[in-house]
Amino acid sequence: MTHQLPIMPEAPPQPPPPKFSGLALTALILGLVGLLGSPIIILNNVTAIAAGVGLVLGVIALFGTRKVLAAIGAALCVLAIVITVVVQVAAVKALDEALQGSTNQGQVSDGDPGKAKPVDNPPPAEAPTWGKRYTWKDGLAVEVAKPIACKPGKFSSPSTVDRAAKFTVTVVNGTKEAVETSLLLGLSDAQFDGREAKPISDFNGPCGTGTDTGTVLPGKSFSYEVAYAVGAKPGEMQLAFQPGFGRDKAVFVGPA
């Protein structure tokens, strides 16, 4: 007598293991981290890198089993990178405006002390020229007289100059506080025919040193002279004055 062994049912087929599931989840987490950090300056440099890594992982995970999760993670990473770029561009632009300031947004008028008053709604930008007055919104004003020629002395610097032009700059304080002209002088720059015009230091010479500074009380004015090395032939001179970081620049343009 024989006994038959019971027939064991076959085990159901096992589902294939999830493919790239961990990468999809990691991409989602990095996308969220990048998105949360994207509006924060400096920190968004780090979170943008994390989002970039997450984007790569998300793209790879799209070929796996959790495609929806991978797509969401990749999309969040892209959004985080885009927001980071937009925020940083805006921050750089704002910083540049704060350091450089705008140009010729104040009032340009004839050199008349009675007109050195603040203006609430300044006229369109106008480049002042020699003999004109530029007035900032707070009432501070600057005038530049027509340049005159001067011949640097033997011990001047720079020693080799084709031609020199000397300007008389007058600062009129129409504000309610004392103004230091040293700041205005320190933030000024000069160009001649599109190139830097170097200031001349001529001790005991006719061109002067250009280093005279003073404290201008409210309602008072102060004048100083400064000379620049210019080309052998006449050309266009540009003098820019800025009374402080982030303030509007007064740019005078005229022949020299």
Protein backbone atom coordinates (compact mmCIF):
# COMPACT_ATOMS: atom_id res chain seq x y z
CA MET A 1 0.00 0.00 0.00
CA THR A 2 1.47 3.23 -1.10
CA HIS A 3 0.91 6.73 0.35
CA GLN A 4 1.00 9.77 -1.87
CA LEU A 5 2.58 12.90 -0.49
CA PRO A 6 0.27 15.91 -0.37
CA ILE A 7 0.82 18.36 -3.20
CA MET A 8 2.05 21.68 -1.86
CA PRO A 9 0.60 24.75 -3.58
CA GLU A 10 3.05 26.84 -5.52
CA ALA A 11 4.15 30.06 -3.89
CA PRO A 12 2.72 33.18 -5.59
CA PRO A 13 5.23 35.10 -7.68
CA GLN A 14 7.03 37.85 -5.74
CA PRO A 15 6.63 41.40 -7.09
CA PRO A 16 9.86 42.85 -8.42
CA PRO A 17 11.72 44.99 -5.92
CA PRO A 18 11.13 48.75 -6.35
CA LYS A 19 13.70 50.31 -8.61
CA PHE A 20 15.29 53.65 -7.74
CA SER A 21 12.73 54.16 -4.97
CA GLY A 22 15.34 55.65 -2.63
CA LEU A 23 16.53 58.07 -5.30
CA ALA A 24 12.99 59.36 -5.89
CA LEU A 25 12.46 59.96 -2.17
CA THR A 26 15.86 61.68 -1.86
CA ALA A 27 15.05 63.95 -4.83
CA LEU A 28 11.79 64.96 -3.16
CA ILE A 29 13.52 65.79 0.12
CA LEU A 30 16.29 67.79 -1.57
CA GLY A 31 13.69 69.65 -3.64
CA LEU A 32 11.83 70.67 -0.50
CA VAL A 33 15.07 71.77 1.17
CA GLY A 34 16.05 73.80 -1.90
CA LEU A 35 12.61 75.40 -2.12
CA LEU A 36 12.58 76.42 1.54
CA GLY A 37 16.07 77.92 1.35
CA SER A 38 15.75 79.63 -2.03
CA PRO A 39 14.50 83.03 -0.70
CA ILE A 40 17.29 83.27 1.90
CA ILE A 41 20.41 85.06 0.64
CA ILE A 42 23.73 83.22 1.17
CA LEU A 43 21.93 80.12 2.47
CA ASN A 44 20.35 79.64 -0.95
CA ASN A 45 23.82 79.02 -2.39
CA VAL A 46 23.94 75.78 -0.40
CA THR A 47 20.32 74.82 -0.94
CA ALA A 48 20.66 75.44 -4.69
CA ILE A 49 23.49 72.91 -4.80
CA ALA A 50 21.29 70.46 -2.91
CA ALA A 51 18.50 71.09 -5.41
CA GLY A 52 20.90 70.48 -8.28
CA VAL A 53 21.87 67.12 -6.81
CA GLY A 54 18.21 66.32 -6.23
CA LEU A 55 17.41 67.16 -9.85
CA VAL A 56 20.00 64.65 -11.09
CA LEU A 57 18.68 61.96 -8.75
CA GLY A 58 15.09 62.73 -9.75
CA VAL A 59 15.88 62.36 -13.44
CA ILE A 60 17.53 59.01 -12.79
CA ALA A 61 14.58 57.90 -10.64
CA LEU A 62 12.19 58.59 -13.52
CA PHE A 63 13.42 55.31 -15.02
CA GLY A 64 12.41 53.47 -11.86
CA THR A 65 9.12 52.32 -10.38
CA ARG A 66 8.17 55.48 -8.46
CA LYS A 67 7.94 57.80 -11.43
CA VAL A 68 5.35 60.17 -9.92
CA LEU A 69 7.43 60.73 -6.78
CA ALA A 70 10.55 61.24 -8.90
CA ALA A 71 8.78 63.75 -11.16
CA ILE A 72 7.52 65.75 -8.18
CA GLY A 73 11.01 65.80 -6.66
CA ALA A 74 12.64 66.88 -9.92
CA ALA A 75 10.04 69.64 -10.42
CA LEU A 76 10.61 70.98 -6.90
CA CYS A 77 14.36 71.03 -7.53
CA VAL A 78 13.94 73.00 -10.75
CA LEU A 79 11.62 75.47 -9.04
CA ALA A 80 14.09 75.92 -6.17
CA ILE A 81 16.94 76.66 -8.58
CA VAL A 82 14.85 79.16 -10.57
CA ILE A 83 13.75 81.02 -7.43
CA THR A 84 17.33 81.10 -6.16
CA VAL A 85 18.59 82.64 -9.40
CA VAL A 86 15.82 85.26 -9.41
CA VAL A 87 16.44 86.19 -5.76
CA GLN A 88 20.20 86.47 -6.23
CA VAL A 89 19.91 88.59 -9.38
CA ALA A 90 17.54 90.94 -7.55
CA ALA A 91 19.91 91.09 -4.56
CA VAL A 92 22.92 91.89 -6.74
CA LYS A 93 20.98 94.63 -8.52
CA ALA A 94 19.84 96.14 -5.21
CA LEU A 95 23.38 96.01 -3.82
CA ASP A 96 24.77 97.64 -6.94
CA GLU A 97 22.23 100.45 -6.69
CA ALA A 98 23.01 100.89 -2.99
CA LEU A 99 26.75 101.20 -3.63
CA GLN A 100 26.74 103.11 -6.91
CA GLY A 101 23.58 105.15 -6.67
CA SER A 102 21.61 106.54 -9.59
CA THR A 103 22.81 109.32 -11.87
CA ASN A 104 21.55 112.90 -12.31
CA GLN A 105 18.16 112.45 -10.65
CA GLY A 106 18.34 115.75 -8.77
CA GLN A 107 17.73 119.32 -9.93
CA VAL A 108 19.93 121.11 -12.45
CA SER A 109 19.79 124.91 -12.44
CA ASP A 110 21.88 127.99 -13.05
CA GLY A 111 24.41 128.88 -10.39
CA ASP A 112 21.97 130.94 -8.32
CA PRO A 113 22.05 130.46 -4.52
CA GLY A 114 18.31 131.14 -4.38
CA LYS A 115 17.61 128.02 -6.39
CA ALA A 116 19.53 125.61 -4.16
CA LYS A 117 16.41 124.16 -2.57
CA PRO A 118 15.19 120.59 -2.19
CA VAL A 119 12.71 119.40 -4.80
CA ASP A 120 9.98 116.85 -4.15
CA ASN A 121 9.45 116.03 -7.83
CA PRO A 122 12.72 116.54 -9.71
CA PRO A 123 12.64 117.09 -13.47
CA PRO A 124 13.85 114.41 -15.90
CA ALA A 125 17.54 113.51 -15.68
CA GLU A 126 19.78 116.20 -17.16
CA ALA A 127 23.55 116.22 -17.28
CA PRO A 128 24.79 119.50 -15.78
CA THR A 129 27.71 121.29 -17.36
CA TRP A 130 30.18 124.00 -16.36
CA GLY A 131 28.57 126.92 -14.59
CA LYS A 132 25.45 124.92 -13.71
CA ARG A 133 24.36 123.82 -10.25
CA TYR A 134 23.30 120.31 -9.31
CA THR A 135 21.05 120.03 -6.22
CA TRP A 136 20.32 116.79 -4.40
CA LYS A 137 16.90 116.19 -2.87
CA ASP A 138 18.11 117.11 0.61
CA GLY A 139 19.29 120.56 -0.56
CA LEU A 140 23.02 119.86 -0.89
CA ALA A 141 24.32 121.39 -4.12
CA VAL A 142 27.54 121.43 -6.13
CA GLU A 143 28.75 123.73 -8.91
CA VAL A 144 31.69 123.29 -11.27
CA ALA A 145 33.14 126.37 -12.96
CA LYS A 146 34.49 126.35 -16.50
CA PRO A 147 37.98 124.81 -16.48
CA ILE A 148 41.09 126.88 -16.98
CA ALA A 149 44.47 125.71 -18.22
CA CYS A 150 47.34 125.36 -15.79
CA LYS A 151 50.93 124.25 -16.25
CA PRO A 152 52.11 121.76 -13.61
CA GLY A 153 55.29 122.64 -11.75
CA LYS A 154 58.57 120.79 -11.78
CA PHE A 155 57.71 118.55 -8.83
CA SER A 156 54.10 117.76 -9.72
CA SER A 157 52.63 114.29 -9.93
CA PRO A 158 52.20 112.77 -12.45
CA SER A 159 55.41 114.24 -13.82
CA THR A 160 54.58 113.94 -17.52
CA VAL A 161 51.37 115.70 -18.49
CA ASP A 162 50.36 116.74 -22.01
CA ARG A 163 47.91 119.33 -20.72
CA ALA A 164 46.18 120.14 -17.43
CA ALA A 165 42.73 121.53 -16.71
CA LYS A 166 41.87 123.08 -13.36
CA PHE A 167 38.31 123.21 -12.03
CA THR A 168 36.81 125.26 -9.21
CA VAL A 169 34.20 123.21 -7.34
CA THR A 170 31.75 124.96 -5.02
CA VAL A 171 29.71 123.02 -2.46
CA VAL A 172 26.55 124.78 -1.22
CA ASN A 173 24.98 123.32 1.91
CA GLY A 174 21.22 123.71 1.70
CA THR A 175 20.63 120.93 4.24
CA LYS A 176 20.01 121.21 7.96
CA GLU A 177 23.27 119.50 8.95
CA ALA A 178 26.98 120.19 8.49
CA VAL A 179 28.58 118.56 5.44
CA GLU A 180 32.14 117.29 5.11
CA THR A 181 33.51 118.01 1.64
CA SER A 182 36.15 115.29 2.09
CA LEU A 183 33.47 112.63 1.52
CA LEU A 184 32.30 114.36 -1.66
CA LEU A 185 35.87 114.62 -2.90
CA GLY A 186 36.69 111.02 -1.99
CA LEU A 187 33.74 109.61 -3.95
CA SER A 188 34.32 111.71 -7.08
CA ASP A 189 35.81 110.46 -10.34
CA ALA A 190 36.96 112.08 -13.57
CA GLN A 191 37.15 111.01 -17.21
CA PHE A 192 38.51 112.64 -20.33
CA ASP A 193 37.36 111.34 -23.72
CA GLY A 194 36.24 108.05 -22.18
CA ARG A 195 39.42 107.41 -20.17
CA GLU A 196 40.37 108.03 -16.57
CA ALA A 197 41.67 111.52 -15.95
CA LYS A 198 44.33 111.42 -13.25
CA PRO A 199 44.29 114.17 -10.61
CA ILE A 200 47.37 116.37 -10.40
CA SER A 201 49.22 117.05 -7.17
CA ASP A 202 51.24 120.21 -7.72
CA PHE A 203 52.71 121.40 -4.43
CA ASN A 204 53.46 125.13 -4.54
CA GLY A 205 52.54 125.07 -8.23
CA PRO A 206 49.77 126.74 -10.23
CA CYS A 207 47.66 123.54 -10.49
CA GLY A 208 47.39 123.04 -6.72
CA THR A 209 47.03 119.79 -4.81
CA GLY A 210 43.28 119.28 -5.04
CA THR A 211 43.15 118.12 -1.43
CA ASP A 212 41.49 121.15 0.19
CA THR A 213 38.54 120.07 2.32
CA GLY A 214 36.31 121.69 4.90
CA THR A 215 33.19 121.48 7.01
CA VAL A 216 30.31 123.36 5.44
CA LEU A 217 27.65 124.55 7.88
CA PRO A 218 23.98 124.81 6.84
CA GLY A 219 23.44 127.78 4.54
CA LYS A 220 27.17 128.16 3.84
CA SER A 221 29.36 127.27 0.85
CA PHE A 222 32.93 126.06 0.33
CA SER A 223 35.06 126.20 -2.82
CA TYR A 224 38.14 124.19 -3.71
CA GLU A 225 40.26 123.67 -6.82
CA VAL A 226 41.27 120.41 -8.42
CA ALA A 227 43.30 119.83 -11.59
CA TYR A 228 43.36 116.82 -13.91
CA ALA A 229 45.72 115.61 -16.62
CA VAL A 230 43.93 115.71 -19.98
CA GLY A 231 44.88 115.00 -23.57
CA ALA A 232 46.96 117.26 -25.77
CA LYS A 233 43.87 118.17 -27.81
CA PRO A 234 40.56 119.48 -26.45
CA GLY A 235 37.95 116.87 -25.66
CA GLU A 236 35.02 115.99 -23.44
CA MET A 237 35.53 116.04 -19.67
CA GLN A 238 33.29 114.27 -17.19
CA LEU A 239 33.29 114.90 -13.44
CA ALA A 240 31.14 112.82 -11.11
CA PHE A 241 30.34 113.66 -7.47
CA GLN A 242 28.59 111.44 -4.93
CA PRO A 243 27.94 112.74 -1.40
CA GLY A 244 27.67 109.27 0.12
CA PHE A 245 27.35 105.57 -0.64
CA GLY A 246 24.02 104.84 -2.27
CA ARG A 247 23.39 108.51 -3.03
CA ASP A 248 22.61 109.87 -6.46
CA LYS A 249 25.62 110.87 -8.57
CA ALA A 250 25.96 114.32 -10.07
CA VAL A 251 27.79 113.91 -13.38
CA PHE A 252 29.01 117.12 -15.03
CA VAL A 253 29.93 116.94 -18.72
CA GLY A 254 31.58 119.62 -20.83
CA PRO A 255 34.54 120.57 -23.01
CA ALA A 256 38.03 120.78 -21.56
